[in-house]
Amino acid sequence: MLLPKSLPNDDKLQIAASCHSHQKIGGDFYDVIRVSDDEFYICLADVSGKGISVAILMASFQTSLRSNVQKVRALEDIIVDLNDRVWSNAQGERFITMFLAHYNASTRELKYVNSAHPPPHLLNNGKLVKLIDGFVGLGMFEEFPTLNIGSVTLKGDAIMIAYTDGLTELENEAGGVPFDEAALDRLFQDQSVYTISGLNVRIFEALDKHRGSMEFHDDVASVSCRFL
């Protein structure tokens, strides 16, 4: 119920997302929040652990996230407040890995922070890069030891995939081989995929083919974005 009911699909930004919970109550989360005609926040997060306490922490996190972005605050201030809230609620017993991006369709600037999360893959002007700039997970420390904000100017038709670690750690039934980043990159750069929803479908089809009869042992979420 926390996941958005609709996602952007216009001449500025197209997004498709999927989330598969290992149990009925999951700890993976994504959100896309439009704060103006040209500005969007894109978030993908994963709470450590499993169970009801994880879901409660994620619900609190979403409330804090939405409250912060609507105030049109600097990304640095948003991150500090989110860390304070997670630390206050969990006292170091739980943490959240997160990727949070602010996209301005007018300037084509993508500012982001990667908080100990698997780095999203960005295909920008034909070049594949990984969005790694950031720092430790939210709630790991009462105060951040460092605070690094990444920034990328997007050119042409750029595509990004963000995901949780359950995706690349999913093993097959033959020999416990994980669905790794190389497999994801091959899908990502396949030019026969013309729609962002088609790309997202292909990712989960590839996951199902890879795992065979193996069950999901962790939550899996992915967010596929096309910046026009």
C-alpha atoms as a PDB file:
ATOM      1  CA  MET A   1       0.000   0.000   0.000  1.00  0.00           C
ATOM      2  CA  LEU A   2       3.006   2.329   0.400  1.00  0.00           C
ATOM      3  CA  LEU A   3       4.024   1.988  -3.239  1.00  0.00           C
ATOM      4  CA  PRO A   4       2.815   4.676  -5.690  1.00  0.00           C
ATOM      5  CA  LYS A   5      -0.374   3.875  -7.602  1.00  0.00           C
ATOM      6  CA  SER A   6       0.837   5.652 -10.771  1.00  0.00           C
ATOM      7  CA  LEU A   7       4.213   6.648 -12.201  1.00  0.00           C
ATOM      8  CA  PRO A   8       5.296   9.431 -14.612  1.00  0.00           C
ATOM      9  CA  ASN A   9       4.854   8.658 -18.295  1.00  0.00           C
ATOM     10  CA  ASP A  10       5.097  11.849 -20.343  1.00  0.00           C
ATOM     11  CA  ASP A  11       7.476  13.782 -22.581  1.00  0.00           C
ATOM     12  CA  LYS A  12       9.858  14.518 -19.679  1.00  0.00           C
ATOM     13  CA  LEU A  13      10.140  11.318 -17.710  1.00  0.00           C
ATOM     14  CA  GLN A  14       8.959   7.734 -18.125  1.00  0.00           C
ATOM     15  CA  ILE A  15       9.186   5.275 -15.233  1.00  0.00           C
ATOM     16  CA  ALA A  16       8.249   1.631 -14.709  1.00  0.00           C
ATOM     17  CA  ALA A  17       8.797  -0.221 -11.446  1.00  0.00           C
ATOM     18  CA  SER A  18       8.235  -3.627  -9.863  1.00  0.00           C
ATOM     19  CA  CYS A  19       8.524  -5.014  -6.352  1.00  0.00           C
ATOM     20  CA  HIS A  20       8.443  -8.675  -5.323  1.00  0.00           C
ATOM     21  CA  SER A  21       8.254  -9.329  -1.570  1.00  0.00           C
ATOM     22  CA  HIS A  22       9.859 -12.506  -0.239  1.00  0.00           C
ATOM     23  CA  GLN A  23       7.276 -12.541   2.545  1.00  0.00           C
ATOM     24  CA  LYS A  24       3.856 -10.896   2.802  1.00  0.00           C
ATOM     25  CA  ILE A  25       5.507  -7.967   4.567  1.00  0.00           C
ATOM     26  CA  GLY A  26       8.481  -6.597   2.662  1.00  0.00           C
ATOM     27  CA  GLY A  27      11.297  -4.165   3.385  1.00  0.00           C
ATOM     28  CA  ASP A  28      11.963  -2.909  -0.149  1.00  0.00           C
ATOM     29  CA  PHE A  29      10.403   0.374  -1.175  1.00  0.00           C
ATOM     30  CA  TYR A  30      10.285   2.799  -4.103  1.00  0.00           C
ATOM     31  CA  ASP A  31       8.626   6.139  -4.666  1.00  0.00           C
ATOM     32  CA  VAL A  32       8.495   8.830  -7.341  1.00  0.00           C
ATOM     33  CA  ILE A  33       7.383  12.286  -6.218  1.00  0.00           C
ATOM     34  CA  ARG A  34       6.687  15.166  -8.584  1.00  0.00           C
ATOM     35  CA  VAL A  35       7.144  18.531  -6.876  1.00  0.00           C
ATOM     36  CA  SER A  36       6.724  20.828  -9.921  1.00  0.00           C
ATOM     37  CA  ASP A  37       6.223  20.632 -13.693  1.00  0.00           C
ATOM     38  CA  ASP A  38       9.922  19.920 -14.186  1.00  0.00           C
ATOM     39  CA  GLU A  39      11.166  18.470 -10.889  1.00  0.00           C
ATOM     40  CA  PHE A  40      10.978  14.900  -9.638  1.00  0.00           C
ATOM     41  CA  TYR A  41      12.387  12.887  -6.757  1.00  0.00           C
ATOM     42  CA  ILE A  42      13.111   9.202  -7.359  1.00  0.00           C
ATOM     43  CA  CYS A  43      13.773   6.936  -4.394  1.00  0.00           C
ATOM     44  CA  LEU A  44      14.567   3.257  -3.936  1.00  0.00           C
ATOM     45  CA  ALA A  45      15.264   1.925  -0.437  1.00  0.00           C
ATOM     46  CA  ASP A  46      15.815  -1.312   1.480  1.00  0.00           C
ATOM     47  CA  VAL A  47      15.486  -1.797   5.250  1.00  0.00           C
ATOM     48  CA  SER A  48      17.844  -4.281   6.882  1.00  0.00           C
ATOM     49  CA  GLY A  49      16.132  -7.350   8.302  1.00  0.00           C
ATOM     50  CA  LYS A  50      12.626  -8.689   7.805  1.00  0.00           C
ATOM     51  CA  GLY A  51       9.240  -8.677   9.522  1.00  0.00           C
ATOM     52  CA  ILE A  52       6.703  -6.239  10.889  1.00  0.00           C
ATOM     53  CA  SER A  53       9.270  -3.931  12.507  1.00  0.00           C
ATOM     54  CA  VAL A  54      10.932  -3.466   9.117  1.00  0.00           C
ATOM     55  CA  ALA A  55       7.615  -2.513   7.478  1.00  0.00           C
ATOM     56  CA  ILE A  56       6.853  -0.028  10.264  1.00  0.00           C
ATOM     57  CA  LEU A  57      10.265   1.612   9.866  1.00  0.00           C
ATOM     58  CA  MET A  58       9.756   1.875   6.092  1.00  0.00           C
ATOM     59  CA  ALA A  59       6.319   3.465   6.568  1.00  0.00           C
ATOM     60  CA  SER A  60       7.869   6.077   8.861  1.00  0.00           C
ATOM     61  CA  PHE A  61      10.655   6.623   6.334  1.00  0.00           C
ATOM     62  CA  GLN A  62       8.182   7.280   3.517  1.00  0.00           C
ATOM     63  CA  THR A  63       6.332   9.865   5.601  1.00  0.00           C
ATOM     64  CA  SER A  64       9.595  11.679   6.350  1.00  0.00           C
ATOM     65  CA  LEU A  65      10.705  11.495   2.712  1.00  0.00           C
ATOM     66  CA  ARG A  66       7.490  12.978   1.330  1.00  0.00           C
ATOM     67  CA  SER A  67       7.420  15.702   3.964  1.00  0.00           C
ATOM     68  CA  ASN A  68      11.009  16.717   3.172  1.00  0.00           C
ATOM     69  CA  VAL A  69      10.787  16.838  -0.620  1.00  0.00           C
ATOM     70  CA  GLN A  70       7.589  18.906  -0.572  1.00  0.00           C
ATOM     71  CA  LYS A  71       9.486  21.599   1.351  1.00  0.00           C
ATOM     72  CA  VAL A  72      11.824  22.003  -1.662  1.00  0.00           C
ATOM     73  CA  ARG A  73      14.882  21.641   0.540  1.00  0.00           C
ATOM     74  CA  ALA A  74      18.466  20.992  -0.582  1.00  0.00           C
ATOM     75  CA  LEU A  75      19.282  17.320  -1.088  1.00  0.00           C
ATOM     76  CA  GLU A  76      21.894  17.518   1.656  1.00  0.00           C
ATOM     77  CA  ASP A  77      19.328  18.764   4.189  1.00  0.00           C
ATOM     78  CA  ILE A  78      16.856  16.042   3.204  1.00  0.00           C
ATOM     79  CA  ILE A  79      19.447  13.312   3.754  1.00  0.00           C
ATOM     80  CA  VAL A  80      20.493  14.636   7.155  1.00  0.00           C
ATOM     81  CA  ASP A  81      16.867  14.765   8.310  1.00  0.00           C
ATOM     82  CA  LEU A  82      16.139  11.250   7.018  1.00  0.00           C
ATOM     83  CA  ASN A  83      19.174   9.903   8.850  1.00  0.00           C
ATOM     84  CA  ASP A  84      18.061  11.638  12.050  1.00  0.00           C
ATOM     85  CA  ARG A  85      14.594  10.075  11.757  1.00  0.00           C
ATOM     86  CA  VAL A  86      15.897   6.553  11.097  1.00  0.00           C
ATOM     87  CA  TRP A  87      18.413   6.799  13.927  1.00  0.00           C
ATOM     88  CA  SER A  88      15.752   8.100  16.310  1.00  0.00           C
ATOM     89  CA  ASN A  89      13.360   5.260  15.416  1.00  0.00           C
ATOM     90  CA  ALA A  90      15.818   2.355  15.223  1.00  0.00           C
ATOM     91  CA  GLN A  91      18.704   3.421  17.521  1.00  0.00           C
ATOM     92  CA  GLY A  92      21.224   1.617  15.319  1.00  0.00           C
ATOM     93  CA  GLU A  93      19.393  -1.734  15.402  1.00  0.00           C
ATOM     94  CA  ARG A  94      18.141  -1.250  11.830  1.00  0.00           C
ATOM     95  CA  PHE A  95      19.470   0.779   8.908  1.00  0.00           C
ATOM     96  CA  ILE A  96      18.213   1.683   5.449  1.00  0.00           C
ATOM     97  CA  THR A  97      20.198   1.601   2.217  1.00  0.00           C
ATOM     98  CA  MET A  98      18.809   4.137  -0.205  1.00  0.00           C
ATOM     99  CA  PHE A  99      19.234   5.769  -3.587  1.00  0.00           C
ATOM    100  CA  LEU A 100      17.595   9.197  -3.807  1.00  0.00           C
ATOM    101  CA  ALA A 101      17.739  11.376  -6.926  1.00  0.00           C
ATOM    102  CA  HIS A 102      16.434  14.826  -7.764  1.00  0.00           C
ATOM    103  CA  TYR A 103      15.828  15.337 -11.490  1.00  0.00           C
ATOM    104  CA  ASN A 104      15.250  18.714 -13.112  1.00  0.00           C
ATOM    105  CA  ALA A 105      13.839  18.183 -16.605  1.00  0.00           C
ATOM    106  CA  SER A 106      14.504  21.808 -17.547  1.00  0.00           C
ATOM    107  CA  THR A 107      18.240  21.780 -16.795  1.00  0.00           C
ATOM    108  CA  ARG A 108      18.606  18.002 -17.391  1.00  0.00           C
ATOM    109  CA  GLU A 109      20.576  17.756 -14.146  1.00  0.00           C
ATOM    110  CA  LEU A 110      20.314  14.601 -12.047  1.00  0.00           C
ATOM    111  CA  LYS A 111      21.545  15.159  -8.485  1.00  0.00           C
ATOM    112  CA  TYR A 112      21.682  12.056  -6.353  1.00  0.00           C
ATOM    113  CA  VAL A 113      22.958  10.369  -3.235  1.00  0.00           C
ATOM    114  CA  ASN A 114      23.719   6.677  -2.872  1.00  0.00           C
ATOM    115  CA  SER A 115      23.422   5.659   0.768  1.00  0.00           C
ATOM    116  CA  ALA A 116      25.212   2.257   0.763  1.00  0.00           C
ATOM    117  CA  HIS A 117      22.803   1.015  -1.924  1.00  0.00           C
ATOM    118  CA  PRO A 118      23.666  -1.052  -5.026  1.00  0.00           C
ATOM    119  CA  PRO A 119      24.687   1.617  -7.539  1.00  0.00           C
ATOM    120  CA  PRO A 120      22.079   2.298 -10.247  1.00  0.00           C
ATOM    121  CA  HIS A 121      23.223   1.868 -13.849  1.00  0.00           C
ATOM    122  CA  LEU A 122      22.905   4.922 -16.093  1.00  0.00           C
ATOM    123  CA  LEU A 123      23.209   4.863 -19.886  1.00  0.00           C
ATOM    124  CA  ASN A 124      23.976   8.486 -20.741  1.00  0.00           C
ATOM    125  CA  ASN A 125      24.887   9.544 -24.280  1.00  0.00           C
ATOM    126  CA  GLY A 126      25.851   5.936 -25.052  1.00  0.00           C
ATOM    127  CA  LYS A 127      28.156   5.645 -22.018  1.00  0.00           C
ATOM    128  CA  LEU A 128      27.366   3.286 -19.147  1.00  0.00           C
ATOM    129  CA  VAL A 129      28.152   4.660 -15.689  1.00  0.00           C
ATOM    130  CA  LYS A 130      27.297   3.599 -12.142  1.00  0.00           C
ATOM    131  CA  LEU A 131      25.967   6.130  -9.683  1.00  0.00           C
ATOM    132  CA  ILE A 132      28.160   5.519  -6.655  1.00  0.00           C
ATOM    133  CA  ASP A 133      28.540   8.916  -4.955  1.00  0.00           C
ATOM    134  CA  GLY A 134      27.123   8.964  -1.443  1.00  0.00           C
ATOM    135  CA  PHE A 135      27.925   7.646   2.014  1.00  0.00           C
ATOM    136  CA  VAL A 136      26.879   5.086   4.627  1.00  0.00           C
ATOM    137  CA  GLY A 137      23.373   3.696   5.124  1.00  0.00           C
ATOM    138  CA  LEU A 138      20.741   5.759   6.902  1.00  0.00           C
ATOM    139  CA  GLY A 139      20.697   5.047  10.620  1.00  0.00           C
ATOM    140  CA  MET A 140      24.139   3.416  10.769  1.00  0.00           C
ATOM    141  CA  PHE A 141      25.531   6.425  12.608  1.00  0.00           C
ATOM    142  CA  GLU A 142      23.902   9.232  14.553  1.00  0.00           C
ATOM    143  CA  GLU A 143      25.827  11.695  12.375  1.00  0.00           C
ATOM    144  CA  PHE A 144      27.278  11.127   8.909  1.00  0.00           C
ATOM    145  CA  PRO A 145      31.094  10.823   8.770  1.00  0.00           C
ATOM    146  CA  THR A 146      30.968  12.199   5.200  1.00  0.00           C
ATOM    147  CA  LEU A 147      28.302  13.635   2.923  1.00  0.00           C
ATOM    148  CA  ASN A 148      28.855  13.329  -0.849  1.00  0.00           C
ATOM    149  CA  ILE A 149      26.300  14.408  -3.436  1.00  0.00           C
ATOM    150  CA  GLY A 150      26.627  13.204  -7.034  1.00  0.00           C
ATOM    151  CA  SER A 151      25.589  15.186 -10.097  1.00  0.00           C
ATOM    152  CA  VAL A 152      25.209  14.175 -13.751  1.00  0.00           C
ATOM    153  CA  THR A 153      24.090  16.227 -16.743  1.00  0.00           C
ATOM    154  CA  LEU A 154      21.947  13.999 -18.935  1.00  0.00           C
ATOM    155  CA  LYS A 155      22.294  14.087 -22.703  1.00  0.00           C
ATOM    156  CA  GLY A 156      19.914  12.752 -25.291  1.00  0.00           C
ATOM    157  CA  ASP A 157      17.703   9.809 -24.381  1.00  0.00           C
ATOM    158  CA  ALA A 158      19.184   8.626 -21.066  1.00  0.00           C
ATOM    159  CA  ILE A 159      18.103   5.451 -19.245  1.00  0.00           C
ATOM    160  CA  MET A 160      18.631   4.447 -15.626  1.00  0.00           C
ATOM    161  CA  ILE A 161      17.963   1.249 -13.696  1.00  0.00           C
ATOM    162  CA  ALA A 162      17.929   1.277  -9.890  1.00  0.00           C
ATOM    163  CA  TYR A 163      17.430  -1.934  -7.935  1.00  0.00           C
ATOM    164  CA  THR A 164      17.764  -3.586  -4.536  1.00  0.00           C
ATOM    165  CA  ASP A 165      20.387  -6.221  -3.747  1.00  0.00           C
ATOM    166  CA  GLY A 166      17.843  -9.045  -3.914  1.00  0.00           C
ATOM    167  CA  LEU A 167      17.980  -8.741  -7.702  1.00  0.00           C
ATOM    168  CA  THR A 168      21.676  -9.364  -8.313  1.00  0.00           C
ATOM    169  CA  GLU A 169      21.980 -11.872  -5.447  1.00  0.00           C
ATOM    170  CA  LEU A 170      19.178 -14.152  -6.714  1.00  0.00           C
ATOM    171  CA  GLU A 171      20.736 -17.593  -7.303  1.00  0.00           C
ATOM    172  CA  ASN A 172      19.888 -20.262  -9.874  1.00  0.00           C
ATOM    173  CA  GLU A 173      18.961 -23.858  -9.084  1.00  0.00           C
ATOM    174  CA  ALA A 174      21.880 -25.404 -10.946  1.00  0.00           C
ATOM    175  CA  GLY A 175      24.816 -24.192  -8.888  1.00  0.00           C
ATOM    176  CA  GLY A 176      23.872 -21.241  -6.736  1.00  0.00           C
ATOM    177  CA  VAL A 177      25.122 -18.752  -9.331  1.00  0.00           C
ATOM    178  CA  PRO A 178      23.763 -15.241  -8.697  1.00  0.00           C
ATOM    179  CA  PHE A 179      22.063 -13.079 -11.294  1.00  0.00           C
ATOM    180  CA  ASP A 180      24.904 -10.596 -11.322  1.00  0.00           C
ATOM    181  CA  GLU A 181      25.462  -7.091 -12.681  1.00  0.00           C
ATOM    182  CA  ALA A 182      26.858  -8.389 -15.971  1.00  0.00           C
ATOM    183  CA  ALA A 183      23.543 -10.074 -16.755  1.00  0.00           C
ATOM    184  CA  LEU A 184      21.716  -6.866 -15.887  1.00  0.00           C
ATOM    185  CA  ASP A 185      24.003  -4.809 -18.129  1.00  0.00           C
ATOM    186  CA  ARG A 186      23.342  -7.083 -21.092  1.00  0.00           C
ATOM    187  CA  LEU A 187      19.618  -6.444 -20.735  1.00  0.00           C
ATOM    188  CA  PHE A 188      20.195  -2.781 -20.103  1.00  0.00           C
ATOM    189  CA  GLN A 189      22.128  -2.206 -23.319  1.00  0.00           C
ATOM    190  CA  ASP A 190      19.871  -4.338 -25.530  1.00  0.00           C
ATOM    191  CA  GLN A 191      18.634  -1.810 -28.073  1.00  0.00           C
ATOM    192  CA  SER A 192      15.690  -4.001 -29.046  1.00  0.00           C
ATOM    193  CA  VAL A 193      13.925  -2.745 -25.886  1.00  0.00           C
ATOM    194  CA  TYR A 194      12.128   0.439 -26.943  1.00  0.00           C
ATOM    195  CA  THR A 195       9.849   1.149 -23.997  1.00  0.00           C
ATOM    196  CA  ILE A 196      10.801   1.565 -20.372  1.00  0.00           C
ATOM    197  CA  SER A 197       7.962  -0.728 -19.287  1.00  0.00           C
ATOM    198  CA  GLY A 198       9.272  -3.357 -21.720  1.00  0.00           C
ATOM    199  CA  LEU A 199      12.711  -3.111 -20.141  1.00  0.00           C
ATOM    200  CA  ASN A 200      11.283  -3.587 -16.671  1.00  0.00           C
ATOM    201  CA  VAL A 201       9.288  -6.639 -17.821  1.00  0.00           C
ATOM    202  CA  ARG A 202      12.388  -8.145 -19.430  1.00  0.00           C
ATOM    203  CA  ILE A 203      14.363  -7.796 -16.218  1.00  0.00           C
ATOM    204  CA  PHE A 204      11.866  -9.842 -14.225  1.00  0.00           C
ATOM    205  CA  GLU A 205      11.445 -12.362 -17.040  1.00  0.00           C
ATOM    206  CA  ALA A 206      15.215 -12.849 -16.987  1.00  0.00           C
ATOM    207  CA  LEU A 207      15.114 -13.253 -13.200  1.00  0.00           C
ATOM    208  CA  ASP A 208      12.452 -15.953 -13.448  1.00  0.00           C
ATOM    209  CA  LYS A 209      14.383 -17.785 -16.146  1.00  0.00           C
ATOM    210  CA  HIS A 210      17.581 -17.579 -14.118  1.00  0.00           C
ATOM    211  CA  ARG A 211      16.140 -18.859 -10.823  1.00  0.00           C
ATOM    212  CA  GLY A 212      14.106 -21.687 -12.359  1.00  0.00           C
ATOM    213  CA  SER A 213      12.313 -23.468  -9.509  1.00  0.00           C
ATOM    214  CA  MET A 214      14.297 -21.642  -6.821  1.00  0.00           C
ATOM    215  CA  GLU A 215      12.293 -19.403  -4.492  1.00  0.00           C
ATOM    216  CA  PHE A 216      13.041 -15.741  -3.911  1.00  0.00           C
ATOM    217  CA  HIS A 217      15.089 -15.539  -0.702  1.00  0.00           C
ATOM    218  CA  ASP A 218      14.949 -11.755  -0.447  1.00  0.00           C
ATOM    219  CA  ASP A 219      12.753  -8.875  -1.545  1.00  0.00           C
ATOM    220  CA  VAL A 220      13.442  -7.630  -5.070  1.00  0.00           C
ATOM    221  CA  ALA A 221      12.593  -4.173  -6.392  1.00  0.00           C
ATOM    222  CA  SER A 222      13.617  -2.296  -9.524  1.00  0.00           C
ATOM    223  CA  VAL A 223      12.886   1.127 -10.951  1.00  0.00           C
ATOM    224  CA  SER A 224      13.541   1.759 -14.659  1.00  0.00           C
ATOM    225  CA  CYS A 225      13.670   5.388 -15.836  1.00  0.00           C
ATOM    226  CA  ARG A 226      13.879   7.084 -19.233  1.00  0.00           C
ATOM    227  CA  PHE A 227      14.832  10.754 -19.186  1.00  0.00           C
ATOM    228  CA  LEU A 228      13.583  12.459 -22.366  1.00  0.00           C
END
